[in-house]
């Protein structure tokens, strides 16, 4: 009897499992499980940087982005160039469509619908962007933070011109302090980075600095050291620049293809630790330098300028 019962019940269980499996597969295929309705990424023509996308609640979201107003006559006809949504979701606006932001709030909307029919309305707010790096800048000073073991007093913040005996007379860093940097914007990359031409002109003295260290050299007595790789961060003459707003960097490329990467920072004081700080009065192009600790020559000019420079500021003022 027990054997007959097993023979009867097992096929019923198998049929039940098959039915459940079939129902689950139908639900998966039909998308009934998928309530997602998010904008993952979005990009418009002449957009600068990446959009800031926020889900406010089940029915609403916000998108903040910037458009280069110098490249468009107005904000009434801004083309959508990229749109990434959550799996199987659909948007009321498609790539290639245009939106009108020419209104007091600088806003437009799009609606994303999940496969289950749930919707989220995104309000897109556009900020008008103008590239602040464009124009002419006067170089005011070249400053470094350098030295091995700053926790032991080995670090210092100083101008390169503070130690004139370390450089060639009338050819050293002081030659840069009257230079003029002219930035022209030529376009926006597909990634939303601005780009253009930088011309670093010699000032009234007609000279660029020769960054050859001629001070005391304890490792090779009497031998000068070429420090262009540290201090010629903005190329002499003409170069190209790319400003990445997502990473907050400015990348320079000279005519030989040599690349340097820094930042344009506004007025403020940076705490460097170990009771050291640096104050930017107006603006500065800042560069992190990759020196090498030299505990044997700690506390020397050689250590600070040649071996372990840490950070470099080219202080500038818009003119």
Protein backbone atom coordinates (compact mmCIF):
# COMPACT_ATOMS: atom_id res chain seq x y z
CA UNK A 1 0.00 0.00 0.00
CA UNK A 2 2.80 2.39 0.91
CA UNK A 3 4.48 1.64 -2.39
CA UNK A 4 1.30 2.45 -4.33
CA UNK A 5 0.98 5.74 -2.40
CA UNK A 6 4.51 6.76 -3.36
CA UNK A 7 3.88 5.88 -6.96
CA UNK A 8 0.81 8.10 -6.92
CA UNK A 9 2.13 11.11 -5.01
CA UNK A 10 5.56 11.53 -6.64
CA UNK A 11 4.21 12.34 -10.12
CA UNK A 12 1.90 14.93 -8.54
CA UNK A 13 4.87 16.60 -6.81
CA UNK A 14 6.83 16.63 -10.06
CA UNK A 15 3.89 18.19 -11.91
CA UNK A 16 3.62 20.82 -9.15
CA UNK A 17 7.28 21.70 -9.45
CA UNK A 18 7.03 21.95 -13.22
CA UNK A 19 3.99 24.22 -12.89
CA UNK A 20 5.75 26.52 -10.41
CA UNK A 21 8.85 26.60 -12.58
CA UNK A 22 6.77 27.47 -15.64
CA UNK A 23 4.92 30.26 -13.80
CA UNK A 24 8.22 31.72 -12.56
CA UNK A 25 9.75 31.60 -16.05
CA UNK A 26 6.67 33.28 -17.50
CA UNK A 27 7.00 36.05 -14.90
CA UNK A 28 10.67 36.52 -15.72
CA UNK A 29 10.05 36.57 -19.46
CA UNK A 30 7.15 38.96 -19.04
CA UNK A 31 9.16 41.32 -16.90
CA UNK A 32 6.61 41.29 -14.09
CA UNK A 33 9.42 41.23 -11.52
CA UNK A 34 11.16 44.37 -12.85
CA UNK A 35 10.08 47.63 -11.21
CA UNK A 36 13.31 49.50 -12.07
CA UNK A 37 12.90 52.90 -13.76
CA UNK A 38 16.16 54.76 -13.29
CA UNK A 39 18.30 57.01 -15.44
CA UNK A 40 21.80 55.56 -15.04
CA UNK A 41 23.62 57.98 -17.34
CA UNK A 42 22.64 60.88 -19.58
CA UNK A 43 24.49 63.30 -21.85
CA UNK A 44 23.51 66.24 -24.02
CA UNK A 45 25.34 68.01 -26.82
CA UNK A 46 27.83 70.57 -25.42
CA UNK A 47 27.43 69.18 -21.91
CA UNK A 48 30.35 69.81 -19.57
CA UNK A 49 31.33 66.99 -17.19
CA UNK A 50 28.93 64.29 -16.03
CA UNK A 51 25.34 64.71 -14.90
CA UNK A 52 24.41 64.43 -11.22
CA UNK A 53 21.45 62.02 -11.10
CA UNK A 54 19.34 61.68 -7.95
CA UNK A 55 16.33 59.47 -7.18
CA UNK A 56 14.14 61.64 -4.94
CA UNK A 57 11.37 59.09 -4.32
CA UNK A 58 9.38 56.38 -6.11
CA UNK A 59 7.83 58.85 -8.54
CA UNK A 60 10.41 61.63 -8.89
CA UNK A 61 14.05 62.19 -9.72
CA UNK A 62 16.40 65.11 -10.38
CA UNK A 63 19.19 65.54 -12.92
CA UNK A 64 21.68 68.41 -12.67
CA UNK A 65 24.07 69.20 -15.53
CA UNK A 66 25.94 72.04 -17.23
CA UNK A 67 25.81 73.18 -20.86
CA UNK A 68 28.49 75.28 -22.54
CA UNK A 69 26.50 78.40 -23.44
CA UNK A 70 29.33 79.72 -25.61
CA UNK A 71 28.69 76.88 -28.07
CA UNK A 72 24.91 77.34 -28.49
CA UNK A 73 22.78 80.36 -29.44
CA UNK A 74 20.34 79.60 -26.61
CA UNK A 75 19.04 76.69 -24.54
CA UNK A 76 15.88 76.04 -26.55
CA UNK A 77 17.21 73.22 -28.71
CA UNK A 78 19.56 70.96 -26.73
CA UNK A 79 20.05 67.52 -28.27
CA UNK A 80 20.17 64.32 -26.17
CA UNK A 81 23.22 62.32 -27.28
CA UNK A 82 23.42 59.48 -24.73
CA UNK A 83 20.90 57.81 -22.42
CA UNK A 84 21.36 54.71 -20.29
CA UNK A 85 18.36 53.34 -18.38
CA UNK A 86 17.84 50.47 -15.97
CA UNK A 87 17.14 47.07 -17.55
CA UNK A 88 14.09 46.99 -19.85
CA UNK A 89 12.97 50.51 -18.87
CA UNK A 90 11.78 52.98 -21.50
CA UNK A 91 12.03 56.76 -21.69
CA UNK A 92 9.67 59.40 -23.01
CA UNK A 93 12.71 61.04 -24.62
CA UNK A 94 15.10 59.19 -26.93
CA UNK A 95 18.64 59.81 -28.13
CA UNK A 96 18.49 62.38 -30.93
CA UNK A 97 15.50 64.23 -29.47
CA UNK A 98 15.89 67.83 -28.33
CA UNK A 99 14.71 69.47 -25.11
CA UNK A 100 13.93 73.11 -24.43
CA UNK A 101 15.60 74.66 -21.38
CA UNK A 102 14.99 78.24 -22.45
CA UNK A 103 12.73 79.10 -19.49
CA UNK A 104 13.20 80.92 -16.17
CA UNK A 105 13.96 77.69 -14.27
CA UNK A 106 16.22 76.24 -16.97
CA UNK A 107 14.40 72.90 -16.65
CA UNK A 108 12.81 70.20 -18.75
CA UNK A 109 11.55 66.69 -17.96
CA UNK A 110 11.63 63.09 -19.08
CA UNK A 111 9.67 60.09 -17.76
CA UNK A 112 11.09 56.60 -17.34
CA UNK A 113 8.66 53.66 -17.31
CA UNK A 114 9.44 50.18 -15.97
CA UNK A 115 8.16 46.97 -17.58
CA UNK A 116 5.48 46.83 -14.88
CA UNK A 117 4.19 50.25 -15.93
CA UNK A 118 5.51 52.22 -12.94
CA UNK A 119 6.87 55.66 -13.79
CA UNK A 120 9.42 58.11 -12.45
CA UNK A 121 9.49 61.68 -13.71
CA UNK A 122 12.95 63.27 -13.83
CA UNK A 123 13.31 67.03 -13.69
CA UNK A 124 16.43 68.07 -15.60
CA UNK A 125 18.00 71.32 -14.47
CA UNK A 126 20.64 72.96 -16.67
CA UNK A 127 23.28 75.36 -15.41
CA UNK A 128 24.84 77.70 -17.91
CA UNK A 129 28.55 76.98 -18.17
CA UNK A 130 31.30 79.39 -19.16
CA UNK A 131 34.92 78.21 -19.15
CA UNK A 132 36.72 80.20 -16.43
CA UNK A 133 40.19 79.22 -17.61
CA UNK A 134 39.81 81.24 -20.81
CA UNK A 135 41.62 84.56 -20.97
CA UNK A 136 44.98 85.96 -19.88
CA UNK A 137 46.73 85.17 -16.61
CA UNK A 138 49.81 86.84 -15.16
CA UNK A 139 52.28 84.52 -13.42
CA UNK A 140 53.06 85.93 -9.97
CA UNK A 141 55.26 83.36 -8.23
CA UNK A 142 56.53 79.76 -8.24
CA UNK A 143 56.20 78.03 -4.86
CA UNK A 144 57.03 74.54 -3.63
CA UNK A 145 56.45 72.36 -0.62
CA UNK A 146 59.38 69.98 -0.34
CA UNK A 147 61.68 68.04 1.90
CA UNK A 148 62.18 64.59 3.39
CA UNK A 149 60.68 63.92 6.82
CA UNK A 150 58.43 66.94 7.36
CA UNK A 151 57.33 65.33 10.62
CA UNK A 152 60.94 65.82 11.77
CA UNK A 153 61.24 69.38 10.50
CA UNK A 154 62.56 68.44 7.07
CA UNK A 155 59.75 70.07 5.09
CA UNK A 156 59.45 73.68 3.96
CA UNK A 157 57.13 75.90 1.91
CA UNK A 158 59.06 78.48 -0.09
CA UNK A 159 59.39 80.31 -3.39
CA UNK A 160 61.94 78.96 -5.83
CA UNK A 161 63.38 82.49 -5.86
CA UNK A 162 64.02 82.39 -2.09
CA UNK A 163 67.31 80.59 -2.74
CA UNK A 164 68.86 82.47 -5.71
CA UNK A 165 72.26 80.76 -5.23
CA UNK A 166 70.62 77.49 -6.27
CA UNK A 167 69.94 78.74 -9.82
CA UNK A 168 71.78 80.41 -12.68
CA UNK A 169 72.04 84.17 -12.22
CA UNK A 170 69.40 86.09 -14.20
CA UNK A 171 68.24 82.82 -15.81
CA UNK A 172 66.48 81.02 -12.96
CA UNK A 173 62.87 80.88 -11.71
CA UNK A 174 62.61 84.68 -11.43
CA UNK A 175 62.33 84.78 -15.25
CA UNK A 176 58.88 83.17 -15.02
CA UNK A 177 57.37 85.75 -12.67
CA UNK A 178 56.40 88.13 -15.49
CA UNK A 179 55.14 85.51 -17.94
CA UNK A 180 51.64 85.70 -19.43
CA UNK A 181 49.46 82.61 -19.95
CA UNK A 182 46.74 82.93 -22.59
CA UNK A 183 44.07 80.21 -22.67
CA UNK A 184 41.75 79.82 -25.65
CA UNK A 185 38.94 77.25 -25.70
CA UNK A 186 38.51 75.33 -28.95
CA UNK A 187 35.87 72.73 -28.10
CA UNK A 188 34.34 70.09 -25.85
CA UNK A 189 35.25 66.39 -26.01
CA UNK A 190 32.73 63.53 -26.17
CA UNK A 191 33.40 63.01 -22.45
CA UNK A 192 32.34 66.59 -21.68
CA UNK A 193 35.86 67.92 -21.11
CA UNK A 194 36.74 71.41 -22.33
CA UNK A 195 39.90 71.81 -24.41
CA UNK A 196 41.95 74.43 -26.12
CA UNK A 197 45.29 76.15 -26.66
CA UNK A 198 47.60 77.60 -24.01
CA UNK A 199 50.30 80.11 -24.95
CA UNK A 200 52.93 80.68 -22.27
CA UNK A 201 54.65 83.93 -23.32
CA UNK A 202 57.89 85.22 -21.84
CA UNK A 203 57.36 88.56 -20.08
CA UNK A 204 59.18 91.86 -20.42
CA UNK A 205 62.54 90.17 -19.83
CA UNK A 206 61.96 87.96 -22.89
CA UNK A 207 63.09 84.90 -20.94
CA UNK A 208 61.77 81.56 -19.74
CA UNK A 209 63.32 80.07 -16.62
CA UNK A 210 66.22 77.67 -16.88
CA UNK A 211 65.36 75.19 -14.12
CA UNK A 212 68.93 73.95 -13.71
CA UNK A 213 69.93 73.52 -10.08
CA UNK A 214 73.51 74.69 -9.48
CA UNK A 215 73.51 74.70 -5.66
CA UNK A 216 75.36 72.30 -3.40
CA UNK A 217 75.14 68.76 -4.80
CA UNK A 218 76.24 66.29 -2.11
CA UNK A 219 75.71 63.29 -4.38
CA UNK A 220 77.77 64.57 -7.31
CA UNK A 221 79.84 67.54 -6.23
CA UNK A 222 79.88 70.48 -8.60
CA UNK A 223 77.43 68.93 -11.06
CA UNK A 224 74.28 70.85 -12.07
CA UNK A 225 70.92 69.06 -12.15
CA UNK A 226 68.25 69.68 -14.79
CA UNK A 227 64.89 70.01 -12.99
CA UNK A 228 62.63 70.77 -15.95
CA UNK A 229 60.75 67.53 -15.24
CA UNK A 230 59.64 69.01 -11.92
CA UNK A 231 59.18 72.70 -12.60
CA UNK A 232 58.36 73.08 -16.32
CA UNK A 233 54.78 71.93 -15.73
CA UNK A 234 53.17 74.53 -18.01
CA UNK A 235 55.05 74.24 -21.32
CA UNK A 236 56.89 77.24 -22.71
CA UNK A 237 55.30 78.61 -25.87
CA UNK A 238 52.21 76.88 -27.24
CA UNK A 239 50.62 73.73 -25.86
CA UNK A 240 47.18 72.15 -25.70
CA UNK A 241 45.07 71.81 -22.57
CA UNK A 242 42.14 69.64 -21.50
CA UNK A 243 40.07 70.41 -18.41
CA UNK A 244 38.33 67.43 -16.83
CA UNK A 245 35.63 68.69 -14.50
CA UNK A 246 34.83 65.21 -13.21
CA UNK A 247 38.39 64.75 -11.93
CA UNK A 248 39.08 68.48 -11.43
CA UNK A 249 42.27 68.38 -13.52
CA UNK A 250 43.95 70.40 -16.25
CA UNK A 251 46.18 68.41 -18.60
CA UNK A 252 48.87 70.13 -20.69
CA UNK A 253 50.50 68.54 -23.73
CA UNK A 254 53.50 70.22 -25.37
CA UNK A 255 54.52 69.99 -29.02
CA UNK A 256 56.67 66.94 -28.34
CA UNK A 257 53.75 65.12 -26.71
CA UNK A 258 54.99 65.49 -23.13
CA UNK A 259 52.05 65.52 -20.71
CA UNK A 260 51.66 67.20 -17.31
CA UNK A 261 48.56 67.14 -15.11
CA UNK A 262 47.57 69.69 -12.47
CA UNK A 263 44.62 71.61 -11.09
CA UNK A 264 43.40 75.19 -11.22
CA UNK A 265 42.59 76.12 -7.63
CA UNK A 266 41.01 79.31 -6.30
CA UNK A 267 41.90 81.43 -3.27
CA UNK A 268 42.19 79.63 0.04
CA UNK A 269 44.60 78.05 2.49
CA UNK A 270 45.69 74.42 2.25
CA UNK A 271 46.78 72.61 5.40
CA UNK A 272 49.82 70.51 4.48
CA UNK A 273 50.24 68.94 7.91
CA UNK A 274 53.16 69.21 10.31
CA UNK A 275 52.37 72.90 10.93
CA UNK A 276 52.84 73.75 7.26
CA UNK A 277 50.29 75.44 4.99
CA UNK A 278 50.06 77.41 1.77
CA UNK A 279 47.69 80.26 0.93
CA UNK A 280 46.54 80.97 -2.63
CA UNK A 281 45.73 84.69 -2.92
CA UNK A 282 43.91 84.59 -6.28
CA UNK A 283 44.40 81.39 -8.29
CA UNK A 284 47.14 78.83 -8.74
CA UNK A 285 47.92 75.95 -11.03
CA UNK A 286 48.95 73.21 -8.64
CA UNK A 287 50.94 70.06 -9.38
CA UNK A 288 51.80 67.07 -7.21
CA UNK A 289 55.49 66.21 -7.63
CA UNK A 290 56.92 62.73 -7.24
CA UNK A 291 60.21 63.21 -5.43
CA UNK A 292 62.27 60.62 -3.55
CA UNK A 293 63.03 60.69 0.17
CA UNK A 294 66.69 61.41 0.93
CA UNK A 295 67.30 60.94 4.64
CA UNK A 296 71.05 61.40 4.17
CA UNK A 297 70.59 64.98 2.94
CA UNK A 298 67.54 65.97 4.99
CA UNK A 299 67.28 69.70 5.82
CA UNK A 300 69.26 70.76 2.72
CA UNK A 301 68.21 72.86 -0.29
CA UNK A 302 69.26 69.89 -2.42
CA UNK A 303 66.72 67.67 -0.67
CA UNK A 304 63.88 70.17 -1.00
CA UNK A 305 64.45 71.25 -4.63
CA UNK A 306 66.06 68.19 -6.21
CA UNK A 307 65.23 65.03 -4.29
CA UNK A 308 61.90 65.44 -2.51
CA UNK A 309 59.76 68.25 -3.92
CA UNK A 310 56.18 67.39 -2.98
CA UNK A 311 53.85 70.04 -4.35
CA UNK A 312 54.27 72.94 -6.76
CA UNK A 313 52.13 76.07 -7.13
CA UNK A 314 52.25 78.45 -10.09
CA UNK A 315 50.37 81.41 -8.62
CA UNK A 316 48.47 83.44 -11.22
CA UNK A 317 46.12 86.40 -11.47
CA UNK A 318 43.53 87.00 -14.20
CA UNK A 319 44.20 90.15 -16.23
